[in-house]
Amino acid sequence: MSDNIEPLNENDLELLAEYRSWLFGHFDDPQQYEALSFKLELIQTIIDNKWVSKEETFKLQALGICFGDALEQEIKELSWVAVDDEFGRDPALRFLSTSTVVFPRTAVSKRIEDDVEIDIYEMFAGFQKAIKIALEKQA
């Protein structure tokens, strides 16, 4: 079965809104979420202070959505889509209309669940580099 890359539907948009709603609760003014630096700082602060445990999947995945929002903000050619495959439907970021997709929702949670120390700024730079390499291979 091949992966289907589709536009976000209403359910996908509602799910992303739920994740972001939890994230907005960490700001005095939800408009602060618009700044790339605040997104990354929020993730790192929550991780460093261990405000979310390994078992809090929704919150961990919300951090991943925040990470994805930061990537989308930094790499203008990325946009949110849904990938529907044999494992289910997941939000992903796709580069333009290529088949290059990344799955930020679980990027943070998998590392925390595996007790991997996270430097979100280093991880962010690594994702940017990996996306650039993938795109160069497609060219």
Protein backbone atom coordinates (compact mmCIF):
# COMPACT_ATOMS: atom_id res chain seq x y z
CA MET A 1 0.00 0.00 0.00
CA SER A 2 1.40 3.39 -0.92
CA ASP A 3 1.19 6.50 1.18
CA ASN A 4 -1.49 9.00 0.25
CA ILE A 5 -0.49 12.63 0.79
CA GLU A 6 -3.62 14.72 1.13
CA PRO A 7 -4.65 18.22 2.20
CA LEU A 8 -5.63 18.54 5.83
CA ASN A 9 -9.30 17.81 6.37
CA GLU A 10 -11.55 19.27 9.06
CA ASN A 11 -10.65 16.54 11.59
CA ASP A 12 -6.92 17.10 10.96
CA LEU A 13 -7.33 20.84 11.47
CA GLU A 14 -9.27 20.28 14.70
CA LEU A 15 -6.54 17.98 16.02
CA LEU A 16 -3.81 20.51 15.25
CA ALA A 17 -5.93 23.21 16.92
CA GLU A 18 -6.20 21.04 20.07
CA TYR A 19 -2.43 20.61 20.22
CA ARG A 20 -1.87 24.33 19.69
CA SER A 21 -4.49 25.23 22.29
CA TRP A 22 -2.49 23.34 24.92
CA LEU A 23 0.68 25.11 23.76
CA PHE A 24 -0.97 28.56 23.86
CA GLY A 25 -1.67 28.01 27.56
CA HIS A 26 2.06 28.46 28.22
CA PHE A 27 2.10 32.04 26.96
CA ASP A 28 0.85 35.24 28.56
CA ASP A 29 -0.24 36.27 25.08
CA PRO A 30 -0.97 33.50 22.53
CA GLN A 31 0.36 35.80 19.80
CA GLN A 32 3.83 35.10 21.22
CA TYR A 33 3.48 31.69 19.52
CA GLU A 34 3.96 33.48 16.21
CA ALA A 35 7.66 34.03 16.98
CA LEU A 36 9.99 31.21 15.96
CA SER A 37 12.23 31.82 18.97
CA PHE A 38 9.30 31.43 21.38
CA LYS A 39 8.30 28.09 19.85
CA LEU A 40 11.76 26.60 20.27
CA GLU A 41 12.23 28.14 23.69
CA LEU A 42 8.87 26.74 24.84
CA ILE A 43 9.78 23.20 23.78
CA GLN A 44 13.22 23.36 25.39
CA THR A 45 11.86 24.84 28.63
CA ILE A 46 9.18 22.15 28.96
CA ILE A 47 11.75 19.41 28.28
CA ASP A 48 14.41 20.86 30.60
CA ASN A 49 11.94 21.27 33.47
CA LYS A 50 10.41 17.83 32.88
CA TRP A 51 6.92 19.32 32.87
CA VAL A 52 5.71 16.48 30.64
CA SER A 53 6.31 12.81 31.37
CA LYS A 54 6.92 10.01 28.89
CA GLU A 55 3.38 8.80 29.42
CA GLU A 56 1.72 12.09 28.40
CA THR A 57 1.50 11.28 24.71
CA PHE A 58 -0.85 14.14 23.77
CA LYS A 59 1.42 16.75 25.36
CA LEU A 60 4.55 15.21 23.85
CA GLN A 61 2.93 15.21 20.43
CA ALA A 62 1.86 18.83 20.96
CA LEU A 63 5.55 19.65 21.38
CA GLY A 64 6.13 17.92 18.05
CA ILE A 65 3.43 20.03 16.40
CA CYS A 66 5.12 23.12 17.84
CA PHE A 67 8.41 21.86 16.38
CA GLY A 68 6.67 21.36 13.03
CA ASP A 69 5.19 24.85 13.17
CA ALA A 70 8.71 26.18 13.73
CA LEU A 71 10.02 24.22 10.73
CA GLU A 72 7.16 25.46 8.56
CA GLN A 73 7.90 29.02 9.65
CA GLU A 74 11.62 28.72 8.89
CA ILE A 75 11.33 26.78 5.61
CA LYS A 76 8.65 28.66 3.68
CA GLU A 77 8.25 25.85 1.14
CA LEU A 78 6.94 23.45 3.82
CA SER A 79 3.24 23.08 4.49
CA TRP A 80 1.08 20.85 6.65
CA VAL A 81 -0.55 17.89 4.93
CA ALA A 82 -1.92 14.54 6.06
CA VAL A 83 -0.28 11.24 5.20
CA ASP A 84 -2.69 8.33 5.15
CA ASP A 85 -0.97 4.94 5.15
CA GLU A 86 -1.24 1.46 6.65
CA PHE A 87 -0.36 2.91 10.08
CA GLY A 88 -3.13 5.52 10.04
CA ARG A 89 -3.43 9.19 9.27
CA ASP A 90 -0.75 11.57 10.50
CA PRO A 91 -0.04 15.26 10.08
CA ALA A 92 3.20 15.84 8.22
CA LEU A 93 5.11 18.63 6.56
CA ARG A 94 5.64 18.40 2.81
CA PHE A 95 8.09 20.38 0.72
CA LEU A 96 6.09 22.10 -2.03
CA SER A 97 4.30 19.35 -3.97
CA THR A 98 7.14 16.82 -3.76
CA SER A 99 7.07 13.48 -1.99
CA THR A 100 9.49 14.79 0.64
CA VAL A 101 7.64 14.69 3.97
CA VAL A 102 8.69 14.88 7.60
CA PHE A 103 6.66 13.81 10.61
CA PRO A 104 7.35 16.30 13.39
CA ARG A 105 4.43 15.21 15.64
CA THR A 106 6.43 12.27 16.99
CA ALA A 107 9.92 13.75 16.58
CA VAL A 108 10.07 14.99 20.17
CA SER A 109 7.99 12.24 21.81
CA LYS A 110 10.07 9.37 20.41
CA ARG A 111 13.26 10.91 21.77
CA ILE A 112 11.77 11.56 25.22
CA GLU A 113 10.25 8.07 25.38
CA ASP A 114 13.70 6.65 24.52
CA ASP A 115 15.39 8.83 27.19
CA VAL A 116 17.39 10.70 24.56
CA GLU A 117 18.57 14.11 25.72
CA ILE A 118 17.17 16.83 23.49
CA ASP A 119 18.75 20.09 22.45
CA ILE A 120 15.83 21.45 20.41
CA TYR A 121 18.01 24.01 18.64
CA GLU A 122 20.43 21.31 17.51
CA MET A 123 17.52 19.08 16.50
CA PHE A 124 15.97 21.97 14.56
CA ALA A 125 19.21 22.57 12.65
CA GLY A 126 19.51 18.83 11.99
CA PHE A 127 16.01 18.62 10.53
CA GLN A 128 16.67 21.63 8.31
CA LYS A 129 19.87 20.01 7.03
CA ALA A 130 18.17 16.64 6.44
CA ILE A 131 15.36 18.30 4.49
CA LYS A 132 17.88 20.16 2.34
CA ILE A 133 19.81 16.93 1.63
CA ALA A 134 16.60 15.08 0.73
CA LEU A 135 15.64 17.84 -1.68
CA GLU A 136 19.06 17.85 -3.32
CA LYS A 137 18.70 14.09 -3.93
CA GLN A 138 15.35 14.66 -5.62
CA ALA A 139 16.70 17.37 -7.91
